[in-house]
Amino acid sequence: MMVIDTTFKPVWPVPVRIKTAMGSSAQVRGPEDALQCLAHSWPAKQGTEFESAWLSCMRMLKRQARCDDAREAFVTAALKANVLVL
């Protein structure tokens, strides 16, 4: 049986701002938020950058990757999807 630590919720030191489909913006504060965005509000759920961001965030939540690496992969995917707010 696998036990999951539900108190573990990493956050990025600087949130990532993305454009939403409604024309506003949203702050993505960590890998959990990023996975929600990728799953539910991403314009194209395919491609190298999307897959890299997804895997990096999943690995971070399993404590198998660094938080900075997950953020960097998400920023790269947001740039590729043209949703990053600078």
N, C-alpha and C. Protein backbone atom coordinates (compact mmCIF):
# COMPACT_ATOMS: atom_id res chain seq x y z
N MET A 1 0.85 -1.17 0.00
CA MET A 1 0.00 0.00 0.00
C MET A 1 0.89 1.23 0.00
N MET A 2 0.50 2.24 -0.78
CA MET A 2 1.26 3.48 -0.87
C MET A 2 0.58 4.56 -0.04
N VAL A 3 1.36 5.26 0.77
CA VAL A 3 0.83 6.36 1.57
C VAL A 3 1.25 7.66 0.90
N ILE A 4 0.28 8.55 0.69
CA ILE A 4 0.55 9.83 0.06
C ILE A 4 0.48 10.92 1.10
N ASP A 5 1.51 11.74 1.16
CA ASP A 5 1.57 12.86 2.10
C ASP A 5 0.71 14.00 1.55
N THR A 6 -0.47 14.19 2.11
CA THR A 6 -1.39 15.21 1.62
C THR A 6 -1.06 16.61 2.10
N THR A 7 -0.10 16.74 3.00
CA THR A 7 0.28 18.06 3.47
C THR A 7 1.37 18.68 2.60
N PHE A 8 1.93 17.92 1.68
CA PHE A 8 2.99 18.40 0.82
C PHE A 8 2.38 19.17 -0.34
N LYS A 9 2.53 20.49 -0.34
CA LYS A 9 2.01 21.32 -1.43
C LYS A 9 3.06 22.38 -1.76
N PRO A 10 4.00 22.04 -2.64
CA PRO A 10 5.06 23.00 -2.97
C PRO A 10 4.51 24.20 -3.74
N VAL A 11 5.12 25.34 -3.51
CA VAL A 11 4.77 26.56 -4.24
C VAL A 11 6.05 27.15 -4.81
N TRP A 12 5.88 27.87 -5.91
CA TRP A 12 7.00 28.53 -6.53
C TRP A 12 7.22 29.88 -5.86
N PRO A 13 8.47 30.32 -5.73
CA PRO A 13 8.74 31.61 -5.10
C PRO A 13 8.07 32.77 -5.85
N VAL A 14 8.00 32.64 -7.17
CA VAL A 14 7.34 33.65 -8.00
C VAL A 14 6.28 32.93 -8.83
N PRO A 15 4.99 33.29 -8.66
CA PRO A 15 3.95 32.64 -9.46
C PRO A 15 4.13 32.93 -10.95
N VAL A 16 3.58 32.08 -11.77
CA VAL A 16 3.58 32.27 -13.22
C VAL A 16 2.21 32.80 -13.61
N ARG A 17 2.19 33.91 -14.34
CA ARG A 17 0.91 34.48 -14.79
C ARG A 17 0.62 34.02 -16.20
N ILE A 18 -0.60 33.51 -16.40
CA ILE A 18 -1.02 33.06 -17.73
C ILE A 18 -2.33 33.72 -18.11
N LYS A 19 -2.57 33.80 -19.42
CA LYS A 19 -3.84 34.29 -19.95
C LYS A 19 -4.86 33.16 -19.89
N THR A 20 -6.08 33.49 -19.53
CA THR A 20 -7.15 32.50 -19.52
C THR A 20 -7.98 32.63 -20.78
N ALA A 21 -8.81 31.65 -21.04
CA ALA A 21 -9.69 31.68 -22.21
C ALA A 21 -10.68 32.83 -22.15
N MET A 22 -10.98 33.32 -20.96
CA MET A 22 -11.94 34.42 -20.79
C MET A 22 -11.30 35.79 -21.02
N GLY A 23 -9.99 35.81 -21.31
CA GLY A 23 -9.31 37.07 -21.58
C GLY A 23 -8.69 37.72 -20.36
N SER A 24 -8.86 37.13 -19.20
CA SER A 24 -8.22 37.66 -18.00
C SER A 24 -6.91 36.90 -17.78
N SER A 25 -6.32 37.07 -16.61
CA SER A 25 -5.10 36.33 -16.31
C SER A 25 -5.27 35.58 -14.99
N ALA A 26 -4.43 34.59 -14.80
CA ALA A 26 -4.47 33.78 -13.58
C ALA A 26 -3.04 33.57 -13.10
N GLN A 27 -2.89 33.43 -11.80
CA GLN A 27 -1.59 33.13 -11.22
C GLN A 27 -1.50 31.64 -10.94
N VAL A 28 -0.46 31.03 -11.44
CA VAL A 28 -0.18 29.63 -11.19
C VAL A 28 0.92 29.60 -10.14
N ARG A 29 0.59 29.11 -8.95
CA ARG A 29 1.48 29.23 -7.80
C ARG A 29 2.41 28.05 -7.56
N GLY A 30 2.15 26.93 -8.23
CA GLY A 30 3.00 25.76 -8.03
C GLY A 30 2.60 24.64 -8.96
N PRO A 31 3.26 23.48 -8.83
CA PRO A 31 3.01 22.37 -9.74
C PRO A 31 1.58 21.83 -9.68
N GLU A 32 0.95 21.90 -8.54
CA GLU A 32 -0.44 21.43 -8.46
C GLU A 32 -1.36 22.33 -9.28
N ASP A 33 -1.20 23.64 -9.13
CA ASP A 33 -1.97 24.59 -9.95
C ASP A 33 -1.66 24.40 -11.44
N ALA A 34 -0.38 24.19 -11.74
CA ALA A 34 0.03 24.02 -13.13
C ALA A 34 -0.65 22.80 -13.76
N LEU A 35 -0.71 21.71 -13.02
CA LEU A 35 -1.38 20.51 -13.55
C LEU A 35 -2.86 20.76 -13.81
N GLN A 36 -3.50 21.52 -12.93
CA GLN A 36 -4.91 21.87 -13.14
C GLN A 36 -5.08 22.68 -14.41
N CYS A 37 -4.20 23.65 -14.62
CA CYS A 37 -4.25 24.46 -15.84
C CYS A 37 -4.01 23.62 -17.08
N LEU A 38 -2.98 22.79 -17.03
CA LEU A 38 -2.66 21.95 -18.17
C LEU A 38 -3.80 20.99 -18.50
N ALA A 39 -4.46 20.49 -17.49
CA ALA A 39 -5.54 19.51 -17.71
C ALA A 39 -6.84 20.14 -18.15
N HIS A 40 -7.15 21.35 -17.65
CA HIS A 40 -8.49 21.89 -17.85
C HIS A 40 -8.59 23.15 -18.69
N SER A 41 -7.51 23.90 -18.84
CA SER A 41 -7.66 25.17 -19.55
C SER A 41 -6.53 25.46 -20.52
N TRP A 42 -5.81 24.43 -20.93
CA TRP A 42 -4.69 24.63 -21.85
C TRP A 42 -5.19 24.60 -23.28
N PRO A 43 -4.68 25.48 -24.14
CA PRO A 43 -5.19 25.52 -25.52
C PRO A 43 -4.90 24.27 -26.35
N ALA A 44 -3.75 23.63 -26.14
CA ALA A 44 -3.41 22.42 -26.91
C ALA A 44 -2.75 21.42 -25.97
N LYS A 45 -3.43 20.32 -25.75
CA LYS A 45 -2.95 19.31 -24.80
C LYS A 45 -2.07 18.27 -25.50
N GLN A 46 -1.05 18.79 -26.18
CA GLN A 46 -0.11 17.91 -26.87
C GLN A 46 1.17 18.68 -27.13
N GLY A 47 2.18 17.99 -27.56
CA GLY A 47 3.44 18.62 -27.89
C GLY A 47 4.50 18.39 -26.83
N THR A 48 5.74 18.57 -27.23
CA THR A 48 6.88 18.31 -26.36
C THR A 48 6.86 19.16 -25.10
N GLU A 49 6.59 20.46 -25.25
CA GLU A 49 6.62 21.36 -24.10
C GLU A 49 5.50 21.04 -23.12
N PHE A 50 4.31 20.76 -23.64
CA PHE A 50 3.17 20.38 -22.79
C PHE A 50 3.50 19.12 -22.00
N GLU A 51 4.01 18.11 -22.70
CA GLU A 51 4.33 16.83 -22.04
C GLU A 51 5.45 17.00 -21.01
N SER A 52 6.44 17.81 -21.34
CA SER A 52 7.53 18.04 -20.40
C SER A 52 7.04 18.74 -19.14
N ALA A 53 6.17 19.74 -19.31
CA ALA A 53 5.61 20.45 -18.15
C ALA A 53 4.78 19.49 -17.30
N TRP A 54 3.95 18.70 -17.95
CA TRP A 54 3.10 17.74 -17.23
C TRP A 54 3.95 16.77 -16.41
N LEU A 55 4.94 16.18 -17.07
CA LEU A 55 5.79 15.19 -16.38
C LEU A 55 6.61 15.84 -15.26
N SER A 56 7.15 17.01 -15.50
CA SER A 56 7.94 17.70 -14.48
C SER A 56 7.11 18.02 -13.25
N CYS A 57 5.89 18.50 -13.47
CA CYS A 57 5.01 18.82 -12.33
C CYS A 57 4.60 17.55 -11.58
N MET A 58 4.30 16.49 -12.30
CA MET A 58 3.95 15.22 -11.65
C MET A 58 5.13 14.71 -10.83
N ARG A 59 6.32 14.76 -11.41
CA ARG A 59 7.52 14.30 -10.70
C ARG A 59 7.79 15.15 -9.47
N MET A 60 7.53 16.45 -9.56
CA MET A 60 7.73 17.32 -8.41
C MET A 60 6.80 16.93 -7.27
N LEU A 61 5.56 16.65 -7.59
CA LEU A 61 4.60 16.27 -6.55
C LEU A 61 4.93 14.92 -5.93
N LYS A 62 5.66 14.10 -6.65
CA LYS A 62 6.13 12.81 -6.11
C LYS A 62 7.51 12.95 -5.47
N ARG A 63 7.99 14.19 -5.40
CA ARG A 63 9.32 14.50 -4.84
C ARG A 63 10.45 13.84 -5.62
N GLN A 64 10.26 13.75 -6.93
CA GLN A 64 11.27 13.16 -7.80
C GLN A 64 11.92 14.20 -8.70
N ALA A 65 11.56 15.46 -8.52
CA ALA A 65 12.14 16.54 -9.33
C ALA A 65 12.18 17.80 -8.49
N ARG A 66 13.01 18.73 -8.93
CA ARG A 66 13.12 20.01 -8.23
C ARG A 66 11.96 20.93 -8.62
N CYS A 67 11.54 21.73 -7.68
CA CYS A 67 10.45 22.67 -7.91
C CYS A 67 10.81 23.66 -9.02
N ASP A 68 12.05 24.13 -9.03
CA ASP A 68 12.49 25.07 -10.07
C ASP A 68 12.41 24.45 -11.47
N ASP A 69 12.71 23.17 -11.57
CA ASP A 69 12.65 22.50 -12.87
C ASP A 69 11.21 22.41 -13.36
N ALA A 70 10.28 22.13 -12.46
CA ALA A 70 8.86 22.07 -12.83
C ALA A 70 8.37 23.45 -13.28
N ARG A 71 8.79 24.49 -12.58
CA ARG A 71 8.38 25.85 -12.95
C ARG A 71 8.93 26.22 -14.32
N GLU A 72 10.19 25.91 -14.54
CA GLU A 72 10.83 26.22 -15.82
C GLU A 72 10.13 25.50 -16.97
N ALA A 73 9.78 24.24 -16.78
CA ALA A 73 9.08 23.48 -17.81
C ALA A 73 7.70 24.06 -18.07
N PHE A 74 7.02 24.51 -17.01
CA PHE A 74 5.70 25.11 -17.18
C PHE A 74 5.80 26.45 -17.92
N VAL A 75 6.78 27.27 -17.60
CA VAL A 75 6.98 28.54 -18.29
C VAL A 75 7.25 28.30 -19.77
N THR A 76 8.09 27.32 -20.07
CA THR A 76 8.39 26.98 -21.47
C THR A 76 7.12 26.56 -22.21
N ALA A 77 6.29 25.75 -21.56
CA ALA A 77 5.03 25.32 -22.18
C ALA A 77 4.09 26.51 -22.37
N ALA A 78 4.06 27.41 -21.41
CA ALA A 78 3.20 28.59 -21.52
C ALA A 78 3.66 29.51 -22.65
N LEU A 79 4.96 29.65 -22.82
CA LEU A 79 5.49 30.43 -23.94
C LEU A 79 5.07 29.81 -25.27
N LYS A 80 5.25 28.49 -25.37
CA LYS A 80 4.89 27.77 -26.60
C LYS A 80 3.40 27.89 -26.91
N ALA A 81 2.57 27.85 -25.86
CA ALA A 81 1.11 27.93 -26.05
C ALA A 81 0.63 29.38 -26.17
N ASN A 82 1.56 30.32 -26.06
CA ASN A 82 1.23 31.75 -26.16
C ASN A 82 0.24 32.20 -25.10
N VAL A 83 0.42 31.70 -23.89
CA VAL A 83 -0.46 32.11 -22.77
C VAL A 83 0.31 32.77 -21.63
N LEU A 84 1.63 32.88 -21.75
CA LEU A 84 2.42 33.48 -20.69
C LEU A 84 2.23 34.99 -20.67
N VAL A 85 1.97 35.53 -19.49
CA VAL A 85 1.86 36.98 -19.31
C VAL A 85 3.19 37.46 -18.74
N LEU A 86 3.86 38.33 -19.48
CA LEU A 86 5.16 38.82 -19.03
C LEU A 86 5.01 40.08 -18.19
